[in-house]
Amino acid sequence: MRLFLRQSAAIARTVRGQADAESRRRNAHTLKGAARAVGARKVAERASALEHAPHETRALRALLREIDRTCDYINSLLR
């Protein structure tokens, strides 16, 4: 879980600053796999949406919100 927290935070920081759709797509794909591995279904769904529509700012915002929610939840469990 801690690895997922680090990975998702790093990817969130990266995609926030990326204007390049291909880089967003690759990072979304990576995050989708990591999220599935730990059972973070909603993050995986949002990552998949961004992977398929990397130009969509709505998909990006939805993914970033879900990452924040999921990471907050995981952190509360690890305390």
N, C-alpha and C. Protein backbone atom coordinates (compact mmCIF):
# COMPACT_ATOMS: atom_id res chain seq x y z
N MET A 1 0.81 -1.19 0.00
CA MET A 1 0.00 0.00 0.00
C MET A 1 0.86 1.26 0.00
N ARG A 2 1.92 1.24 0.78
CA ARG A 2 2.80 2.42 0.82
C ARG A 2 3.42 2.68 -0.55
N LEU A 3 3.76 1.62 -1.25
CA LEU A 3 4.32 1.77 -2.60
C LEU A 3 3.28 2.42 -3.51
N PHE A 4 2.04 1.97 -3.43
CA PHE A 4 0.97 2.58 -4.24
C PHE A 4 0.82 4.05 -3.91
N LEU A 5 0.88 4.40 -2.63
CA LEU A 5 0.78 5.81 -2.24
C LEU A 5 1.88 6.64 -2.88
N ARG A 6 3.10 6.12 -2.84
CA ARG A 6 4.22 6.86 -3.44
C ARG A 6 4.05 6.97 -4.95
N GLN A 7 3.70 5.84 -5.58
CA GLN A 7 3.54 5.83 -7.04
C GLN A 7 2.43 6.78 -7.48
N SER A 8 1.29 6.68 -6.84
CA SER A 8 0.16 7.50 -7.27
C SER A 8 0.43 8.98 -7.04
N ALA A 9 1.09 9.32 -5.94
CA ALA A 9 1.44 10.73 -5.69
C ALA A 9 2.41 11.24 -6.75
N ALA A 10 3.39 10.42 -7.10
CA ALA A 10 4.37 10.82 -8.12
C ALA A 10 3.71 10.99 -9.48
N ILE A 11 2.84 10.07 -9.83
CA ILE A 11 2.15 10.15 -11.12
C ILE A 11 1.22 11.35 -11.14
N ALA A 12 0.52 11.61 -10.03
CA ALA A 12 -0.37 12.77 -9.98
C ALA A 12 0.41 14.06 -10.20
N ARG A 13 1.57 14.18 -9.54
CA ARG A 13 2.41 15.38 -9.74
C ARG A 13 2.84 15.49 -11.20
N THR A 14 3.20 14.37 -11.79
CA THR A 14 3.69 14.37 -13.17
C THR A 14 2.59 14.76 -14.15
N VAL A 15 1.42 14.13 -14.06
CA VAL A 15 0.37 14.41 -15.04
C VAL A 15 -0.22 15.81 -14.88
N ARG A 16 -0.15 16.36 -13.69
CA ARG A 16 -0.63 17.74 -13.50
C ARG A 16 0.14 18.71 -14.40
N GLY A 17 1.42 18.45 -14.58
CA GLY A 17 2.26 19.36 -15.35
C GLY A 17 2.45 18.97 -16.80
N GLN A 18 1.82 17.90 -17.23
CA GLN A 18 2.03 17.43 -18.60
C GLN A 18 0.99 17.98 -19.57
N ALA A 19 1.47 18.62 -20.60
CA ALA A 19 0.57 19.05 -21.67
C ALA A 19 0.56 18.01 -22.78
N ASP A 20 1.55 17.15 -22.78
CA ASP A 20 1.72 16.13 -23.81
C ASP A 20 0.74 14.97 -23.57
N ALA A 21 -0.18 14.79 -24.49
CA ALA A 21 -1.21 13.75 -24.36
C ALA A 21 -0.61 12.35 -24.28
N GLU A 22 0.43 12.08 -25.04
CA GLU A 22 1.04 10.75 -25.03
C GLU A 22 1.64 10.43 -23.66
N SER A 23 2.27 11.40 -23.04
CA SER A 23 2.83 11.18 -21.69
C SER A 23 1.71 10.95 -20.68
N ARG A 24 0.63 11.71 -20.78
CA ARG A 24 -0.51 11.48 -19.91
C ARG A 24 -1.06 10.08 -20.09
N ARG A 25 -1.17 9.66 -21.34
CA ARG A 25 -1.70 8.33 -21.63
C ARG A 25 -0.83 7.25 -20.99
N ARG A 26 0.48 7.37 -21.16
CA ARG A 26 1.41 6.36 -20.59
C ARG A 26 1.33 6.34 -19.07
N ASN A 27 1.31 7.51 -18.45
CA ASN A 27 1.24 7.56 -16.99
C ASN A 27 -0.10 7.03 -16.48
N ALA A 28 -1.17 7.32 -17.18
CA ALA A 28 -2.47 6.80 -16.80
C ALA A 28 -2.49 5.28 -16.89
N HIS A 29 -1.87 4.74 -17.93
CA HIS A 29 -1.79 3.29 -18.09
C HIS A 29 -1.01 2.66 -16.92
N THR A 30 0.10 3.26 -16.56
CA THR A 30 0.91 2.76 -15.44
C THR A 30 0.11 2.80 -14.15
N LEU A 31 -0.56 3.91 -13.90
CA LEU A 31 -1.35 4.04 -12.68
C LEU A 31 -2.50 3.05 -12.67
N LYS A 32 -3.11 2.82 -13.80
CA LYS A 32 -4.22 1.87 -13.89
C LYS A 32 -3.78 0.49 -13.40
N GLY A 33 -2.61 0.05 -13.83
CA GLY A 33 -2.10 -1.25 -13.41
C GLY A 33 -1.80 -1.30 -11.92
N ALA A 34 -1.19 -0.24 -11.40
CA ALA A 34 -0.87 -0.18 -9.97
C ALA A 34 -2.14 -0.17 -9.14
N ALA A 35 -3.13 0.58 -9.59
CA ALA A 35 -4.40 0.67 -8.86
C ALA A 35 -5.12 -0.68 -8.85
N ARG A 36 -5.13 -1.34 -9.96
CA ARG A 36 -5.76 -2.68 -10.01
C ARG A 36 -5.06 -3.65 -9.08
N ALA A 37 -3.74 -3.55 -9.00
CA ALA A 37 -2.96 -4.48 -8.16
C ALA A 37 -3.32 -4.36 -6.68
N VAL A 38 -3.71 -3.16 -6.24
CA VAL A 38 -4.05 -2.99 -4.82
C VAL A 38 -5.57 -2.90 -4.59
N GLY A 39 -6.34 -3.08 -5.64
CA GLY A 39 -7.80 -3.07 -5.50
C GLY A 39 -8.43 -1.68 -5.46
N ALA A 40 -7.71 -0.68 -5.95
CA ALA A 40 -8.25 0.69 -6.01
C ALA A 40 -9.02 0.85 -7.32
N ARG A 41 -10.20 0.24 -7.35
CA ARG A 41 -10.99 0.17 -8.58
C ARG A 41 -11.33 1.53 -9.18
N LYS A 42 -11.74 2.47 -8.34
CA LYS A 42 -12.14 3.78 -8.88
C LYS A 42 -10.96 4.52 -9.48
N VAL A 43 -9.79 4.41 -8.87
CA VAL A 43 -8.60 5.03 -9.46
C VAL A 43 -8.31 4.37 -10.80
N ALA A 44 -8.41 3.05 -10.86
CA ALA A 44 -8.16 2.33 -12.12
C ALA A 44 -9.16 2.77 -13.20
N GLU A 45 -10.42 2.94 -12.82
CA GLU A 45 -11.43 3.37 -13.78
C GLU A 45 -11.13 4.78 -14.31
N ARG A 46 -10.77 5.67 -13.40
CA ARG A 46 -10.47 7.05 -13.81
C ARG A 46 -9.19 7.10 -14.65
N ALA A 47 -8.21 6.27 -14.30
CA ALA A 47 -6.97 6.21 -15.07
C ALA A 47 -7.26 5.68 -16.47
N SER A 48 -8.12 4.69 -16.56
CA SER A 48 -8.49 4.15 -17.86
C SER A 48 -9.18 5.21 -18.72
N ALA A 49 -10.04 6.00 -18.10
CA ALA A 49 -10.72 7.07 -18.84
C ALA A 49 -9.71 8.08 -19.39
N LEU A 50 -8.72 8.44 -18.57
CA LEU A 50 -7.70 9.38 -19.04
C LEU A 50 -6.81 8.73 -20.10
N GLU A 51 -6.54 7.47 -19.94
CA GLU A 51 -5.72 6.75 -20.93
C GLU A 51 -6.40 6.80 -22.31
N HIS A 52 -7.71 6.68 -22.33
CA HIS A 52 -8.44 6.68 -23.60
C HIS A 52 -8.76 8.08 -24.11
N ALA A 53 -8.67 9.08 -23.24
CA ALA A 53 -8.96 10.46 -23.66
C ALA A 53 -7.97 11.41 -22.97
N PRO A 54 -6.69 11.31 -23.32
CA PRO A 54 -5.67 12.08 -22.60
C PRO A 54 -5.76 13.60 -22.78
N HIS A 55 -6.54 14.05 -23.76
CA HIS A 55 -6.72 15.49 -23.97
C HIS A 55 -7.83 16.07 -23.09
N GLU A 56 -8.64 15.20 -22.51
CA GLU A 56 -9.81 15.63 -21.74
C GLU A 56 -9.42 16.12 -20.35
N THR A 57 -9.54 17.40 -20.12
CA THR A 57 -9.20 17.93 -18.79
C THR A 57 -10.17 17.43 -17.73
N ARG A 58 -11.40 17.14 -18.11
CA ARG A 58 -12.37 16.60 -17.16
C ARG A 58 -11.92 15.23 -16.65
N ALA A 59 -11.39 14.40 -17.56
CA ALA A 59 -10.89 13.08 -17.16
C ALA A 59 -9.69 13.23 -16.24
N LEU A 60 -8.84 14.19 -16.53
CA LEU A 60 -7.67 14.43 -15.69
C LEU A 60 -8.09 14.88 -14.30
N ARG A 61 -9.00 15.83 -14.22
CA ARG A 61 -9.46 16.32 -12.91
C ARG A 61 -10.13 15.21 -12.11
N ALA A 62 -10.92 14.38 -12.77
CA ALA A 62 -11.59 13.27 -12.07
C ALA A 62 -10.57 12.29 -11.51
N LEU A 63 -9.53 12.00 -12.30
CA LEU A 63 -8.48 11.09 -11.82
C LEU A 63 -7.76 11.69 -10.63
N LEU A 64 -7.39 12.94 -10.70
CA LEU A 64 -6.65 13.57 -9.61
C LEU A 64 -7.49 13.62 -8.33
N ARG A 65 -8.79 13.89 -8.46
CA ARG A 65 -9.66 13.88 -7.28
C ARG A 65 -9.73 12.48 -6.66
N GLU A 66 -9.84 11.47 -7.52
CA GLU A 66 -9.94 10.09 -7.01
C GLU A 66 -8.63 9.64 -6.37
N ILE A 67 -7.51 10.05 -6.94
CA ILE A 67 -6.22 9.73 -6.31
C ILE A 67 -6.17 10.34 -4.91
N ASP A 68 -6.56 11.61 -4.80
CA ASP A 68 -6.55 12.27 -3.49
C ASP A 68 -7.44 11.54 -2.50
N ARG A 69 -8.66 11.21 -2.90
CA ARG A 69 -9.59 10.50 -2.01
C ARG A 69 -9.04 9.16 -1.57
N THR A 70 -8.54 8.42 -2.53
CA THR A 70 -8.04 7.07 -2.23
C THR A 70 -6.81 7.13 -1.34
N CYS A 71 -5.91 8.04 -1.62
CA CYS A 71 -4.71 8.17 -0.79
C CYS A 71 -5.05 8.61 0.62
N ASP A 72 -6.00 9.52 0.75
CA ASP A 72 -6.46 9.93 2.09
C ASP A 72 -7.02 8.73 2.85
N TYR A 73 -7.81 7.92 2.18
CA TYR A 73 -8.40 6.73 2.82
C TYR A 73 -7.31 5.74 3.23
N ILE A 74 -6.39 5.45 2.34
CA ILE A 74 -5.30 4.51 2.65
C ILE A 74 -4.47 5.03 3.82
N ASN A 75 -4.15 6.31 3.78
CA ASN A 75 -3.37 6.90 4.88
C ASN A 75 -4.11 6.77 6.21
N SER A 76 -5.42 6.93 6.21
CA SER A 76 -6.18 6.80 7.46
C SER A 76 -6.12 5.37 7.99
N LEU A 77 -6.03 4.40 7.10
CA LEU A 77 -5.93 3.01 7.52
C LEU A 77 -4.55 2.67 8.06
N LEU A 78 -3.54 3.33 7.54
CA LEU A 78 -2.17 3.02 7.93
C LEU A 78 -1.73 3.72 9.21
N ARG A 79 -2.53 4.63 9.72
CA ARG A 79 -2.17 5.35 10.95
C ARG A 79 -2.30 4.49 12.16
